[in-house]
Amino acid sequence: MRKTLFIICSLVFLNISAQELTIIEQNYDKALVKAKKENKLLLIDFYTTWCLPCKKLEKAIFRNKTYNKYLADNFILLHYNAEDDKTYNLSKKYHINSYPTNVVLTNDGYLLNRKQGYSGKTAKKLFTAVSKFTNESLKLF
């Protein structure tokens, strides 16, 4: 009985303490401040409303609680509609010309890494590609 209670309490604690990915929509300044405050990298997901692979990436990775918890420890996500890039001009700054494109910045705004396109026919293959990209970025930091 004690062992069962311990397992239940452990699972509840892990579920409560598990951090979720912070997703900020279209506000670069807010995302950078949050990344600096939490000492995390800034992952910018450049997308468009008409891009089907962008929608798949968002649903499969960024909005999926299982996968986004993997990213939550080290990243703040800026979900950035490149068609509505009137304030920060990030698409021009980072030379974004295809979608989806993801860039990783330090919390001071310096470019560390970038990846274009959609990698994976399944969620598992996509997660493997995202994991490889984010791990490379962490090593560069």
Protein backbone atom coordinates (compact mmCIF):
# COMPACT_ATOMS: atom_id res chain seq x y z
CA MET A 1 0.00 0.00 0.00
CA ARG A 2 2.81 2.44 0.88
CA LYS A 3 4.58 1.66 -2.37
CA THR A 4 1.40 2.40 -4.36
CA LEU A 5 0.87 5.66 -2.49
CA PHE A 6 4.50 6.66 -3.08
CA ILE A 7 4.18 5.98 -6.83
CA ILE A 8 0.94 7.99 -7.06
CA CYS A 9 2.45 10.92 -5.13
CA SER A 10 5.57 10.82 -7.31
CA LEU A 11 3.54 10.91 -10.52
CA VAL A 12 1.43 13.79 -9.24
CA PHE A 13 4.57 15.72 -8.22
CA LEU A 14 6.25 15.09 -11.59
CA ASN A 15 3.12 16.19 -13.43
CA ILE A 16 2.83 19.38 -11.37
CA SER A 17 6.52 20.25 -11.64
CA ALA A 18 6.76 19.50 -15.35
CA GLN A 19 7.23 22.78 -17.12
CA GLU A 20 5.34 23.65 -20.27
CA LEU A 21 6.81 25.51 -23.18
CA THR A 22 6.20 29.26 -23.06
CA ILE A 23 4.75 30.30 -26.41
CA ILE A 24 4.63 34.00 -27.24
CA GLU A 25 2.77 35.17 -30.32
CA GLN A 26 4.38 37.81 -32.56
CA ASN A 27 6.02 39.88 -29.77
CA TYR A 28 9.80 39.73 -30.17
CA ASP A 29 10.55 42.17 -27.33
CA LYS A 30 8.42 40.23 -24.85
CA ALA A 31 9.95 36.90 -25.93
CA LEU A 32 13.51 38.21 -25.61
CA VAL A 33 12.85 39.67 -22.14
CA LYS A 34 11.32 36.36 -21.01
CA ALA A 35 14.27 34.37 -22.43
CA LYS A 36 16.75 36.64 -20.67
CA LYS A 37 14.82 36.52 -17.37
CA GLU A 38 14.65 32.70 -17.44
CA ASN A 39 18.15 32.27 -18.94
CA LYS A 40 16.81 30.33 -21.92
CA LEU A 41 17.36 30.40 -25.65
CA LEU A 42 14.79 31.99 -27.95
CA LEU A 43 13.39 29.67 -30.62
CA ILE A 44 11.58 31.60 -33.36
CA ASP A 45 9.14 29.63 -35.48
CA PHE A 46 8.60 31.58 -38.71
CA TYR A 47 5.36 30.51 -40.37
CA THR A 48 2.63 31.72 -42.71
CA THR A 49 -1.11 31.10 -42.57
CA TRP A 50 -1.08 29.27 -45.92
CA CYS A 51 1.82 26.92 -45.08
CA LEU A 52 0.57 23.37 -44.45
CA PRO A 53 3.94 22.05 -43.12
CA CYS A 54 3.97 25.00 -40.68
CA LYS A 55 0.60 23.92 -39.32
CA LYS A 56 1.77 20.32 -39.01
CA LEU A 57 4.92 21.41 -37.15
CA GLU A 58 2.92 23.54 -34.75
CA LYS A 59 0.40 20.82 -34.00
CA ALA A 60 2.85 17.91 -33.83
CA ILE A 61 5.56 19.59 -31.76
CA PHE A 62 4.82 23.03 -30.35
CA ARG A 63 1.20 22.41 -29.26
CA ASN A 64 1.79 18.79 -28.26
CA LYS A 65 2.26 18.66 -24.49
CA THR A 66 4.48 15.58 -24.64
CA TYR A 67 6.97 17.13 -27.05
CA ASN A 68 6.80 20.73 -25.93
CA LYS A 69 7.83 19.77 -22.38
CA TYR A 70 11.11 18.59 -23.89
CA LEU A 71 11.71 22.09 -25.24
CA ALA A 72 10.42 23.92 -22.14
CA ASP A 73 13.58 23.51 -20.06
CA ASN A 74 15.81 25.42 -22.47
CA PHE A 75 13.66 27.49 -24.84
CA ILE A 76 11.07 30.23 -25.10
CA LEU A 77 9.12 29.91 -28.35
CA LEU A 78 8.24 32.96 -30.42
CA HIS A 79 5.53 31.90 -32.84
CA TYR A 80 6.02 34.46 -35.61
CA ASN A 81 3.71 35.01 -38.58
CA ALA A 82 6.05 36.25 -41.31
CA GLU A 83 3.12 37.73 -43.25
CA ASP A 84 2.45 40.08 -40.34
CA ASP A 85 6.06 41.21 -39.88
CA LYS A 86 5.50 44.96 -39.77
CA THR A 87 6.96 45.86 -36.37
CA TYR A 88 10.19 43.90 -35.96
CA ASN A 89 11.10 43.01 -39.58
CA LEU A 90 12.59 39.72 -38.36
CA SER A 91 11.98 38.02 -41.71
CA LYS A 92 14.33 40.48 -43.38
CA LYS A 93 16.81 40.49 -40.52
CA TYR A 94 17.21 36.69 -40.59
CA HIS A 95 16.71 36.32 -44.38
CA ILE A 96 13.63 34.12 -44.12
CA ASN A 97 12.41 33.07 -47.55
CA SER A 98 10.81 29.65 -46.98
CA TYR A 99 8.47 28.22 -44.38
CA PRO A 100 8.64 26.83 -41.86
CA THR A 101 12.00 28.21 -40.80
CA ASN A 102 13.19 28.06 -37.22
CA VAL A 103 16.00 30.12 -35.77
CA VAL A 104 17.56 29.93 -32.33
CA LEU A 105 18.86 33.08 -30.69
CA THR A 106 20.76 33.65 -27.48
CA ASN A 107 18.83 35.58 -24.86
CA ASP A 108 20.84 38.61 -26.02
CA GLY A 109 19.43 38.25 -29.54
CA TYR A 110 22.43 36.73 -31.34
CA LEU A 111 21.78 34.08 -33.97
CA LEU A 112 22.99 30.59 -32.98
CA ASN A 113 21.33 28.24 -35.44
CA ARG A 114 18.69 27.98 -38.16
CA LYS A 115 16.72 25.24 -39.86
CA GLN A 116 14.48 25.46 -42.90
CA GLY A 117 11.72 23.11 -43.90
CA TYR A 118 9.67 20.35 -42.41
CA SER A 119 11.55 17.17 -41.50
CA GLY A 120 9.49 14.09 -40.97
CA LYS A 121 6.54 12.20 -42.29
CA THR A 122 5.57 11.11 -38.78
CA ALA A 123 5.48 12.94 -35.47
CA LYS A 124 8.30 10.72 -34.19
CA LYS A 125 10.59 11.53 -37.15
CA LEU A 126 9.73 15.20 -36.84
CA PHE A 127 10.51 15.16 -33.12
CA THR A 128 13.85 13.46 -33.86
CA ALA A 129 14.72 16.24 -36.33
CA VAL A 130 13.62 18.96 -33.89
CA SER A 131 15.61 17.30 -31.09
CA LYS A 132 18.73 17.18 -33.25
CA PHE A 133 18.34 20.86 -34.19
CA THR A 134 17.72 22.03 -30.62
CA ASN A 135 20.56 19.91 -29.22
CA GLU A 136 22.94 21.41 -31.80
CA SER A 137 21.75 24.87 -30.71
CA LEU A 138 22.35 24.10 -27.03
CA LYS A 139 25.88 22.92 -27.79
CA LEU A 140 26.56 26.23 -29.57
CA PHE A 141 25.38 28.15 -26.51
